[in-house]
Amino acid sequence: MKLPRPILLGLALLCTQLSASAADLAVLRNGSSIPFLRKEQMGGTTRLYITGGYMDVPTEEIVSFDKDDSPPPPAVSEAARQTPVAPAQSASVAPTAAASAATAPKVDIDQVVREAAGRHQLDPDFVSSVIKAESNFHTHAVSRKGAQGLMQLMPQTAAKLGVKDAFDPQANVEAGTAHLSALLDQYHNDPIKALAAYNAGAHRVQQYNGVPPYRETRLYVAKIVRDFNAKKRAQMKAAEALNKHSSSAKQTTKKPAATPPQRAGVSKHNKPA
């Protein structure tokens, strides 16, 4: 495995860097955020007006509204556009993709993740946490920037990794996991830098020598670390409970000591006269 200890320590370090927010931000349950100009609630949906239009988000998916005073990210280079981005900027499901999803056979995502993680020597829980932050397990999610599928691959990145259909769960997870593994190798198994690079681009991590000062990226990394740690804590508690149950079961089923059998023959009490 390439990660656990750094990830467990990473959350505390990252949280100290999180600054108060700037322009208006809608913080989602998956840890990502959507910058907006104004909002309007319509029943169970909140409409967020953004530059050039609006997007509708289920109100229950919004955790809070913040102000963002972090510096705006500089113009995105071609290299960054080829890096998978978080769907916080609004992952949606394309109409054509949604139609094909209705007829596509169901895939066991957990198994797909386990197999891909095994091939690339990663903890499947880590890959699963990344997918949760990227697409919340929607195989046909599409971001405003065009990132596609479970691990939100940009078309250029998908093509570079040999993915013909980014909405194919197996192909998408395989490519995304390979990319994540390469980033971990690049940053000497530092999962915080690898996650930041997956979201904002490796050139930004190099520019800032760590997590860039972008609220979206920091929330993204913190969300994944928090989710991964929660899974590990739950597994440890389950293992402890199982061990206690096994120990108590052994004690209650312990057999009493067997009484020695009587020797065959005539005792003095029934000796014949």
C-alpha atoms as a PDB file:
ATOM      1  CA  MET A   1       0.000   0.000   0.000  1.00  0.00           C
ATOM      2  CA  LYS A   2       1.207   3.505  -0.729  1.00  0.00           C
ATOM      3  CA  LEU A   3      -0.630   5.669   1.738  1.00  0.00           C
ATOM      4  CA  PRO A   4      -2.273   5.230   5.166  1.00  0.00           C
ATOM      5  CA  ARG A   5       0.078   6.961   7.632  1.00  0.00           C
ATOM      6  CA  PRO A   6       0.569  10.230   5.663  1.00  0.00           C
ATOM      7  CA  ILE A   7      -3.171  10.451   5.046  1.00  0.00           C
ATOM      8  CA  LEU A   8      -4.038  10.056   8.698  1.00  0.00           C
ATOM      9  CA  LEU A   9      -1.674  12.899   9.556  1.00  0.00           C
ATOM     10  CA  GLY A  10      -2.587  15.040   6.592  1.00  0.00           C
ATOM     11  CA  LEU A  11      -5.992  16.227   7.774  1.00  0.00           C
ATOM     12  CA  ALA A  12      -4.702  18.164  10.773  1.00  0.00           C
ATOM     13  CA  LEU A  13      -2.027  19.838   8.693  1.00  0.00           C
ATOM     14  CA  LEU A  14      -4.470  20.738   5.976  1.00  0.00           C
ATOM     15  CA  CYS A  15      -7.173  22.149   8.239  1.00  0.00           C
ATOM     16  CA  THR A  16      -4.769  24.700   9.664  1.00  0.00           C
ATOM     17  CA  GLN A  17      -4.311  26.070   6.143  1.00  0.00           C
ATOM     18  CA  LEU A  18      -8.007  26.483   5.334  1.00  0.00           C
ATOM     19  CA  SER A  19      -8.809  30.174   5.202  1.00  0.00           C
ATOM     20  CA  ALA A  20     -12.149  31.921   5.404  1.00  0.00           C
ATOM     21  CA  SER A  21     -14.035  31.856   2.119  1.00  0.00           C
ATOM     22  CA  ALA A  22     -14.352  34.661  -0.469  1.00  0.00           C
ATOM     23  CA  ALA A  23     -16.986  35.214  -3.073  1.00  0.00           C
ATOM     24  CA  ASP A  24     -20.170  33.296  -2.305  1.00  0.00           C
ATOM     25  CA  LEU A  25     -19.649  29.550  -2.145  1.00  0.00           C
ATOM     26  CA  ALA A  26     -22.099  26.700  -1.773  1.00  0.00           C
ATOM     27  CA  VAL A  27     -20.338  23.912   0.137  1.00  0.00           C
ATOM     28  CA  LEU A  28     -21.643  20.465  -0.824  1.00  0.00           C
ATOM     29  CA  ARG A  29     -21.862  17.263   1.180  1.00  0.00           C
ATOM     30  CA  ASN A  30     -19.121  15.688  -0.908  1.00  0.00           C
ATOM     31  CA  GLY A  31     -16.691  18.363   0.309  1.00  0.00           C
ATOM     32  CA  SER A  32     -16.571  20.339  -2.930  1.00  0.00           C
ATOM     33  CA  SER A  33     -17.833  23.885  -3.427  1.00  0.00           C
ATOM     34  CA  ILE A  34     -19.582  25.924  -6.107  1.00  0.00           C
ATOM     35  CA  PRO A  35     -18.876  29.662  -6.451  1.00  0.00           C
ATOM     36  CA  PHE A  36     -22.004  31.668  -7.295  1.00  0.00           C
ATOM     37  CA  LEU A  37     -23.258  35.229  -7.682  1.00  0.00           C
ATOM     38  CA  ARG A  38     -26.668  34.802  -6.068  1.00  0.00           C
ATOM     39  CA  LYS A  39     -29.027  31.999  -5.112  1.00  0.00           C
ATOM     40  CA  GLU A  40     -32.737  31.258  -5.269  1.00  0.00           C
ATOM     41  CA  GLN A  41     -34.533  28.399  -3.518  1.00  0.00           C
ATOM     42  CA  MET A  42     -37.325  26.645  -5.380  1.00  0.00           C
ATOM     43  CA  GLY A  43     -38.891  23.858  -3.352  1.00  0.00           C
ATOM     44  CA  GLY A  44     -36.259  21.180  -2.800  1.00  0.00           C
ATOM     45  CA  THR A  45     -33.877  22.760  -5.315  1.00  0.00           C
ATOM     46  CA  THR A  46     -31.514  25.699  -4.924  1.00  0.00           C
ATOM     47  CA  ARG A  47     -30.679  27.598  -8.100  1.00  0.00           C
ATOM     48  CA  LEU A  48     -27.162  29.005  -8.071  1.00  0.00           C
ATOM     49  CA  TYR A  49     -26.552  31.803 -10.548  1.00  0.00           C
ATOM     50  CA  ILE A  50     -23.024  31.594 -11.886  1.00  0.00           C
ATOM     51  CA  THR A  51     -21.105  33.530 -14.491  1.00  0.00           C
ATOM     52  CA  GLY A  52     -22.782  32.828 -17.802  1.00  0.00           C
ATOM     53  CA  GLY A  53     -25.854  31.043 -16.462  1.00  0.00           C
ATOM     54  CA  TYR A  54     -27.137  29.033 -13.501  1.00  0.00           C
ATOM     55  CA  MET A  55     -27.210  25.519 -12.126  1.00  0.00           C
ATOM     56  CA  ASP A  56     -29.798  23.720 -10.015  1.00  0.00           C
ATOM     57  CA  VAL A  57     -28.567  21.751  -7.006  1.00  0.00           C
ATOM     58  CA  PRO A  58     -30.689  19.634  -4.627  1.00  0.00           C
ATOM     59  CA  THR A  59     -30.935  21.719  -1.465  1.00  0.00           C
ATOM     60  CA  GLU A  60     -30.214  18.685   0.727  1.00  0.00           C
ATOM     61  CA  GLU A  61     -26.814  18.343  -0.947  1.00  0.00           C
ATOM     62  CA  ILE A  62     -25.758  21.820   0.244  1.00  0.00           C
ATOM     63  CA  VAL A  63     -24.158  21.872   3.693  1.00  0.00           C
ATOM     64  CA  SER A  64     -23.557  25.615   4.019  1.00  0.00           C
ATOM     65  CA  PHE A  65     -22.996  28.910   2.248  1.00  0.00           C
ATOM     66  CA  ASP A  66     -19.666  30.658   2.791  1.00  0.00           C
ATOM     67  CA  LYS A  67     -17.757  33.724   1.686  1.00  0.00           C
ATOM     68  CA  ASP A  68     -14.540  33.013  -0.207  1.00  0.00           C
ATOM     69  CA  ASP A  69     -11.620  35.400   0.132  1.00  0.00           C
ATOM     70  CA  SER A  70      -9.013  33.033  -1.279  1.00  0.00           C
ATOM     71  CA  PRO A  71      -7.155  34.305  -4.359  1.00  0.00           C
ATOM     72  CA  PRO A  72      -8.800  33.392  -7.659  1.00  0.00           C
ATOM     73  CA  PRO A  73      -6.924  30.696  -9.549  1.00  0.00           C
ATOM     74  CA  PRO A  74      -4.855  31.961 -12.482  1.00  0.00           C
ATOM     75  CA  ALA A  75      -5.758  31.146 -16.041  1.00  0.00           C
ATOM     76  CA  VAL A  76      -5.829  27.392 -16.549  1.00  0.00           C
ATOM     77  CA  SER A  77      -3.121  26.103 -18.837  1.00  0.00           C
ATOM     78  CA  GLU A  78      -3.469  23.275 -21.292  1.00  0.00           C
ATOM     79  CA  ALA A  79      -1.616  20.999 -18.859  1.00  0.00           C
ATOM     80  CA  ALA A  80      -4.152  21.719 -16.138  1.00  0.00           C
ATOM     81  CA  ARG A  81      -7.054  21.123 -18.492  1.00  0.00           C
ATOM     82  CA  GLN A  82      -5.650  17.655 -19.065  1.00  0.00           C
ATOM     83  CA  THR A  83      -5.744  16.914 -15.340  1.00  0.00           C
ATOM     84  CA  PRO A  84      -8.908  15.444 -13.802  1.00  0.00           C
ATOM     85  CA  VAL A  85     -10.829  18.015 -11.760  1.00  0.00           C
ATOM     86  CA  ALA A  86     -13.314  17.712  -8.958  1.00  0.00           C
ATOM     87  CA  PRO A  87     -16.972  17.943  -9.919  1.00  0.00           C
ATOM     88  CA  ALA A  88     -17.502  20.629  -7.319  1.00  0.00           C
ATOM     89  CA  GLN A  89     -17.867  23.069 -10.106  1.00  0.00           C
ATOM     90  CA  SER A  90     -20.998  21.270 -10.844  1.00  0.00           C
ATOM     91  CA  ALA A  91     -21.109  17.715 -11.850  1.00  0.00           C
ATOM     92  CA  SER A  92     -24.241  16.900 -13.763  1.00  0.00           C
ATOM     93  CA  VAL A  93     -25.411  14.057 -15.940  1.00  0.00           C
ATOM     94  CA  ALA A  94     -25.472  14.689 -19.660  1.00  0.00           C
ATOM     95  CA  PRO A  95     -28.856  13.875 -21.272  1.00  0.00           C
ATOM     96  CA  THR A  96     -27.367  11.415 -23.761  1.00  0.00           C
ATOM     97  CA  ALA A  97     -25.279   9.811 -21.030  1.00  0.00           C
ATOM     98  CA  ALA A  98     -28.321   9.502 -18.781  1.00  0.00           C
ATOM     99  CA  ALA A  99     -30.240   7.784 -21.551  1.00  0.00           C
ATOM    100  CA  SER A 100     -27.492   5.244 -22.168  1.00  0.00           C
ATOM    101  CA  ALA A 101     -27.106   4.701 -18.411  1.00  0.00           C
ATOM    102  CA  ALA A 102     -30.698   3.516 -18.209  1.00  0.00           C
ATOM    103  CA  THR A 103     -29.997   0.607 -20.555  1.00  0.00           C
ATOM    104  CA  ALA A 104     -26.409  -0.140 -19.536  1.00  0.00           C
ATOM    105  CA  PRO A 105     -25.841  -3.282 -17.449  1.00  0.00           C
ATOM    106  CA  LYS A 106     -25.157  -2.655 -13.785  1.00  0.00           C
ATOM    107  CA  VAL A 107     -21.557  -2.905 -12.680  1.00  0.00           C
ATOM    108  CA  ASP A 108     -20.267  -3.741  -9.213  1.00  0.00           C
ATOM    109  CA  ILE A 109     -18.308  -0.532  -8.594  1.00  0.00           C
ATOM    110  CA  ASP A 110     -16.760  -1.879  -5.394  1.00  0.00           C
ATOM    111  CA  GLN A 111     -15.322  -4.828  -7.256  1.00  0.00           C
ATOM    112  CA  VAL A 112     -14.069  -2.598 -10.072  1.00  0.00           C
ATOM    113  CA  VAL A 113     -12.331  -0.385  -7.504  1.00  0.00           C
ATOM    114  CA  ARG A 114     -10.784  -3.341  -5.666  1.00  0.00           C
ATOM    115  CA  GLU A 115      -9.398  -4.820  -8.857  1.00  0.00           C
ATOM    116  CA  ALA A 116      -7.976  -1.536 -10.160  1.00  0.00           C
ATOM    117  CA  ALA A 117      -6.518  -0.660  -6.760  1.00  0.00           C
ATOM    118  CA  GLY A 118      -4.903  -4.085  -6.533  1.00  0.00           C
ATOM    119  CA  ARG A 119      -3.251  -3.706  -9.928  1.00  0.00           C
ATOM    120  CA  HIS A 120      -1.777  -0.338  -8.944  1.00  0.00           C
ATOM    121  CA  GLN A 121      -0.943  -1.251  -5.335  1.00  0.00           C
ATOM    122  CA  LEU A 122      -3.318   1.273  -3.793  1.00  0.00           C
ATOM    123  CA  ASP A 123      -5.699   0.991  -0.884  1.00  0.00           C
ATOM    124  CA  PRO A 124      -9.174   0.486  -2.440  1.00  0.00           C
ATOM    125  CA  ASP A 125     -10.681   2.645   0.320  1.00  0.00           C
ATOM    126  CA  PHE A 126      -8.500   5.525  -0.836  1.00  0.00           C
ATOM    127  CA  VAL A 127      -9.602   5.149  -4.458  1.00  0.00           C
ATOM    128  CA  SER A 128     -13.216   4.884  -3.304  1.00  0.00           C
ATOM    129  CA  SER A 129     -12.890   8.123  -1.305  1.00  0.00           C
ATOM    130  CA  VAL A 130     -11.534   9.891  -4.386  1.00  0.00           C
ATOM    131  CA  ILE A 131     -14.469   8.663  -6.477  1.00  0.00           C
ATOM    132  CA  LYS A 132     -16.917   9.845  -3.830  1.00  0.00           C
ATOM    133  CA  ALA A 133     -15.429  13.348  -3.933  1.00  0.00           C
ATOM    134  CA  GLU A 134     -15.177  13.412  -7.712  1.00  0.00           C
ATOM    135  CA  SER A 135     -18.570  12.095  -8.844  1.00  0.00           C
ATOM    136  CA  ASN A 136     -20.323  10.648  -5.786  1.00  0.00           C
ATOM    137  CA  PHE A 137     -20.333   7.334  -7.710  1.00  0.00           C
ATOM    138  CA  HIS A 138     -22.345   8.655 -10.682  1.00  0.00           C
ATOM    139  CA  THR A 139     -20.881   6.809 -13.662  1.00  0.00           C
ATOM    140  CA  HIS A 140     -22.181   9.412 -16.121  1.00  0.00           C
ATOM    141  CA  ALA A 141     -21.293  12.579 -14.207  1.00  0.00           C
ATOM    142  CA  VAL A 142     -20.025  15.482 -16.317  1.00  0.00           C
ATOM    143  CA  SER A 143     -18.507  18.691 -14.934  1.00  0.00           C
ATOM    144  CA  ARG A 144     -18.825  22.159 -16.462  1.00  0.00           C
ATOM    145  CA  LYS A 145     -15.255  21.833 -17.675  1.00  0.00           C
ATOM    146  CA  GLY A 146     -16.041  18.549 -19.390  1.00  0.00           C
ATOM    147  CA  ALA A 147     -14.561  16.060 -16.911  1.00  0.00           C
ATOM    148  CA  GLN A 148     -16.359  12.743 -17.265  1.00  0.00           C
ATOM    149  CA  GLY A 149     -17.283   9.622 -15.356  1.00  0.00           C
ATOM    150  CA  LEU A 150     -16.565   8.223 -11.927  1.00  0.00           C
ATOM    151  CA  MET A 151     -13.092   9.714 -11.547  1.00  0.00           C
ATOM    152  CA  GLN A 152     -13.839  12.795 -13.657  1.00  0.00           C
ATOM    153  CA  LEU A 153     -11.359  12.334 -16.479  1.00  0.00           C
ATOM    154  CA  MET A 154     -10.855  15.179 -18.919  1.00  0.00           C
ATOM    155  CA  PRO A 155     -11.170  13.982 -22.545  1.00  0.00           C
ATOM    156  CA  GLN A 156      -7.475  14.697 -23.210  1.00  0.00           C
ATOM    157  CA  THR A 157      -6.419  12.737 -20.144  1.00  0.00           C
ATOM    158  CA  ALA A 158      -8.735   9.859 -21.029  1.00  0.00           C
ATOM    159  CA  ALA A 159      -7.310   9.699 -24.551  1.00  0.00           C
ATOM    160  CA  LYS A 160      -3.762   9.836 -23.223  1.00  0.00           C
ATOM    161  CA  LEU A 161      -4.500   6.902 -20.929  1.00  0.00           C
ATOM    162  CA  GLY A 162      -6.127   4.918 -23.718  1.00  0.00           C
ATOM    163  CA  VAL A 163      -9.736   5.312 -22.550  1.00  0.00           C
ATOM    164  CA  LYS A 164     -12.191   5.192 -25.451  1.00  0.00           C
ATOM    165  CA  ASP A 165     -15.327   5.584 -23.345  1.00  0.00           C
ATOM    166  CA  ALA A 166     -14.912   7.646 -20.153  1.00  0.00           C
ATOM    167  CA  PHE A 167     -18.400   6.560 -19.046  1.00  0.00           C
ATOM    168  CA  ASP A 168     -17.310   2.927 -18.944  1.00  0.00           C
ATOM    169  CA  PRO A 169     -16.830   2.372 -15.176  1.00  0.00           C
ATOM    170  CA  GLN A 170     -14.026  -0.154 -15.561  1.00  0.00           C
ATOM    171  CA  ALA A 171     -12.053   1.907 -18.066  1.00  0.00           C
ATOM    172  CA  ASN A 172     -12.591   5.127 -16.123  1.00  0.00           C
ATOM    173  CA  VAL A 173     -11.571   3.706 -12.744  1.00  0.00           C
ATOM    174  CA  GLU A 174      -8.594   1.896 -14.239  1.00  0.00           C
ATOM    175  CA  ALA A 175      -7.300   5.103 -15.858  1.00  0.00           C
ATOM    176  CA  GLY A 176      -8.070   7.310 -12.855  1.00  0.00           C
ATOM    177  CA  THR A 177      -6.374   4.877 -10.485  1.00  0.00           C
ATOM    178  CA  ALA A 178      -3.330   4.658 -12.750  1.00  0.00           C
ATOM    179  CA  HIS A 179      -3.134   8.460 -12.830  1.00  0.00           C
ATOM    180  CA  LEU A 180      -3.486   8.660  -9.037  1.00  0.00           C
ATOM    181  CA  SER A 181      -0.799   6.000  -8.595  1.00  0.00           C
ATOM    182  CA  ALA A 182       1.549   7.935 -10.875  1.00  0.00           C
ATOM    183  CA  LEU A 183       1.001  11.090  -8.816  1.00  0.00           C
ATOM    184  CA  LEU A 184       1.765   9.200  -5.612  1.00  0.00           C
ATOM    185  CA  ASP A 185       4.990   7.961  -7.188  1.00  0.00           C
ATOM    186  CA  GLN A 186       5.803  11.488  -8.302  1.00  0.00           C
ATOM    187  CA  TYR A 187       5.313  12.884  -4.786  1.00  0.00           C
ATOM    188  CA  HIS A 188       7.018   9.993  -2.970  1.00  0.00           C
ATOM    189  CA  ASN A 189       3.755   8.581  -1.589  1.00  0.00           C
ATOM    190  CA  ASP A 190       2.576  11.913  -0.188  1.00  0.00           C
ATOM    191  CA  PRO A 191      -1.220  11.547  -0.609  1.00  0.00           C
ATOM    192  CA  ILE A 192      -1.937  15.215   0.203  1.00  0.00           C
ATOM    193  CA  LYS A 193       0.190  16.485  -2.684  1.00  0.00           C
ATOM    194  CA  ALA A 194      -1.086  13.718  -4.963  1.00  0.00           C
ATOM    195  CA  LEU A 195      -4.712  14.649  -4.267  1.00  0.00           C
ATOM    196  CA  ALA A 196      -4.005  18.352  -4.729  1.00  0.00           C
ATOM    197  CA  ALA A 197      -2.360  17.593  -8.075  1.00  0.00           C
ATOM    198  CA  TYR A 198      -5.290  15.408  -9.131  1.00  0.00           C
ATOM    199  CA  ASN A 199      -7.614  18.338  -8.483  1.00  0.00           C
ATOM    200  CA  ALA A 200      -5.641  21.452  -9.408  1.00  0.00           C
ATOM    201  CA  GLY A 201      -2.828  20.128 -11.574  1.00  0.00           C
ATOM    202  CA  ALA A 202       0.721  19.043 -10.790  1.00  0.00           C
ATOM    203  CA  HIS A 203       2.087  22.373 -11.984  1.00  0.00           C
ATOM    204  CA  ARG A 204       0.121  24.173  -9.253  1.00  0.00           C
ATOM    205  CA  VAL A 205       1.475  21.858  -6.564  1.00  0.00           C
ATOM    206  CA  GLN A 206       4.969  22.575  -7.851  1.00  0.00           C
ATOM    207  CA  GLN A 207       4.244  26.316  -8.000  1.00  0.00           C
ATOM    208  CA  TYR A 208       3.135  26.469  -4.354  1.00  0.00           C
ATOM    209  CA  ASN A 209       5.330  23.601  -3.117  1.00  0.00           C
ATOM    210  CA  GLY A 210       2.256  21.878  -1.723  1.00  0.00           C
ATOM    211  CA  VAL A 211      -1.503  22.337  -1.683  1.00  0.00           C
ATOM    212  CA  PRO A 212      -2.351  25.485  -3.687  1.00  0.00           C
ATOM    213  CA  PRO A 213      -4.221  28.278  -1.843  1.00  0.00           C
ATOM    214  CA  TYR A 214      -7.505  27.490  -3.582  1.00  0.00           C
ATOM    215  CA  ARG A 215     -10.438  26.820  -1.303  1.00  0.00           C
ATOM    216  CA  GLU A 216     -11.920  24.259  -3.691  1.00  0.00           C
ATOM    217  CA  THR A 217      -8.718  22.218  -3.734  1.00  0.00           C
ATOM    218  CA  ARG A 218      -8.287  22.366   0.031  1.00  0.00           C
ATOM    219  CA  LEU A 219     -11.875  21.355   0.679  1.00  0.00           C
ATOM    220  CA  TYR A 220     -11.468  18.566  -1.854  1.00  0.00           C
ATOM    221  CA  VAL A 221      -8.357  17.171  -0.179  1.00  0.00           C
ATOM    222  CA  ALA A 222      -9.822  17.534   3.318  1.00  0.00           C
ATOM    223  CA  LYS A 223     -12.998  15.727   2.269  1.00  0.00           C
ATOM    224  CA  ILE A 224     -11.096  12.739   0.916  1.00  0.00           C
ATOM    225  CA  VAL A 225      -8.825  12.522   3.953  1.00  0.00           C
ATOM    226  CA  ARG A 226     -11.828  12.728   6.282  1.00  0.00           C
ATOM    227  CA  ASP A 227     -13.753  10.051   4.387  1.00  0.00           C
ATOM    228  CA  PHE A 228     -10.738   7.727   4.190  1.00  0.00           C
ATOM    229  CA  ASN A 229      -9.981   8.081   7.905  1.00  0.00           C
ATOM    230  CA  ALA A 230     -13.633   7.451   8.792  1.00  0.00           C
ATOM    231  CA  LYS A 231     -13.548   4.186   6.851  1.00  0.00           C
ATOM    232  CA  LYS A 232     -10.406   3.056   8.644  1.00  0.00           C
ATOM    233  CA  ARG A 233     -11.806   3.931  12.060  1.00  0.00           C
ATOM    234  CA  ALA A 234     -14.995   2.005  11.287  1.00  0.00           C
ATOM    235  CA  GLN A 235     -12.958  -1.009  10.187  1.00  0.00           C
ATOM    236  CA  MET A 236     -10.873  -0.903  13.372  1.00  0.00           C
ATOM    237  CA  LYS A 237     -13.991  -0.706  15.551  1.00  0.00           C
ATOM    238  CA  ALA A 238     -15.582  -3.612  13.675  1.00  0.00           C
ATOM    239  CA  ALA A 239     -12.428  -5.698  14.115  1.00  0.00           C
ATOM    240  CA  GLU A 240     -12.299  -4.908  17.844  1.00  0.00           C
ATOM    241  CA  ALA A 241     -15.957  -5.844  18.270  1.00  0.00           C
ATOM    242  CA  LEU A 242     -15.395  -9.108  16.403  1.00  0.00           C
ATOM    243  CA  ASN A 243     -12.399  -9.963  18.570  1.00  0.00           C
ATOM    244  CA  LYS A 244     -14.368  -9.288  21.758  1.00  0.00           C
ATOM    245  CA  HIS A 245     -17.248 -11.400  20.507  1.00  0.00           C
ATOM    246  CA  SER A 246     -14.914 -14.249  19.602  1.00  0.00           C
ATOM    247  CA  SER A 247     -13.212 -14.112  23.013  1.00  0.00           C
ATOM    248  CA  SER A 248     -16.489 -14.143  24.935  1.00  0.00           C
ATOM    249  CA  ALA A 249     -17.825 -16.979  22.767  1.00  0.00           C
ATOM    250  CA  LYS A 250     -14.768 -19.102  23.548  1.00  0.00           C
ATOM    251  CA  GLN A 251     -15.224 -18.517  27.274  1.00  0.00           C
ATOM    252  CA  THR A 252     -18.936 -19.409  27.304  1.00  0.00           C
ATOM    253  CA  THR A 253     -18.456 -22.549  25.240  1.00  0.00           C
ATOM    254  CA  LYS A 254     -15.545 -23.849  27.295  1.00  0.00           C
ATOM    255  CA  LYS A 255     -16.313 -27.482  28.179  1.00  0.00           C
ATOM    256  CA  PRO A 256     -16.278 -28.583  31.864  1.00  0.00           C
ATOM    257  CA  ALA A 257     -13.534 -30.980  32.903  1.00  0.00           C
ATOM    258  CA  ALA A 258     -14.522 -34.559  32.165  1.00  0.00           C
ATOM    259  CA  THR A 259     -14.953 -36.923  35.145  1.00  0.00           C
ATOM    260  CA  PRO A 260     -12.623 -39.911  35.008  1.00  0.00           C
ATOM    261  CA  PRO A 261     -14.459 -43.093  33.953  1.00  0.00           C
ATOM    262  CA  GLN A 262     -14.934 -45.881  36.516  1.00  0.00           C
ATOM    263  CA  ARG A 263     -12.774 -48.891  36.092  1.00  0.00           C
ATOM    264  CA  ALA A 264     -14.577 -52.019  35.036  1.00  0.00           C
ATOM    265  CA  GLY A 265     -14.833 -54.711  37.701  1.00  0.00           C
ATOM    266  CA  VAL A 266     -16.420 -55.421  41.044  1.00  0.00           C
ATOM    267  CA  SER A 267     -16.425 -52.709  43.701  1.00  0.00           C
ATOM    268  CA  LYS A 268     -16.321 -53.321  47.408  1.00  0.00           C
ATOM    269  CA  HIS A 269     -19.922 -52.131  47.663  1.00  0.00           C
ATOM    270  CA  ASN A 270     -21.353 -54.780  45.374  1.00  0.00           C
ATOM    271  CA  LYS A 271     -18.933 -57.591  46.138  1.00  0.00           C
ATOM    272  CA  PRO A 272     -20.888 -60.913  46.290  1.00  0.00           C
ATOM    273  CA  ALA A 273     -21.285 -62.549  49.705  1.00  0.00           C
END
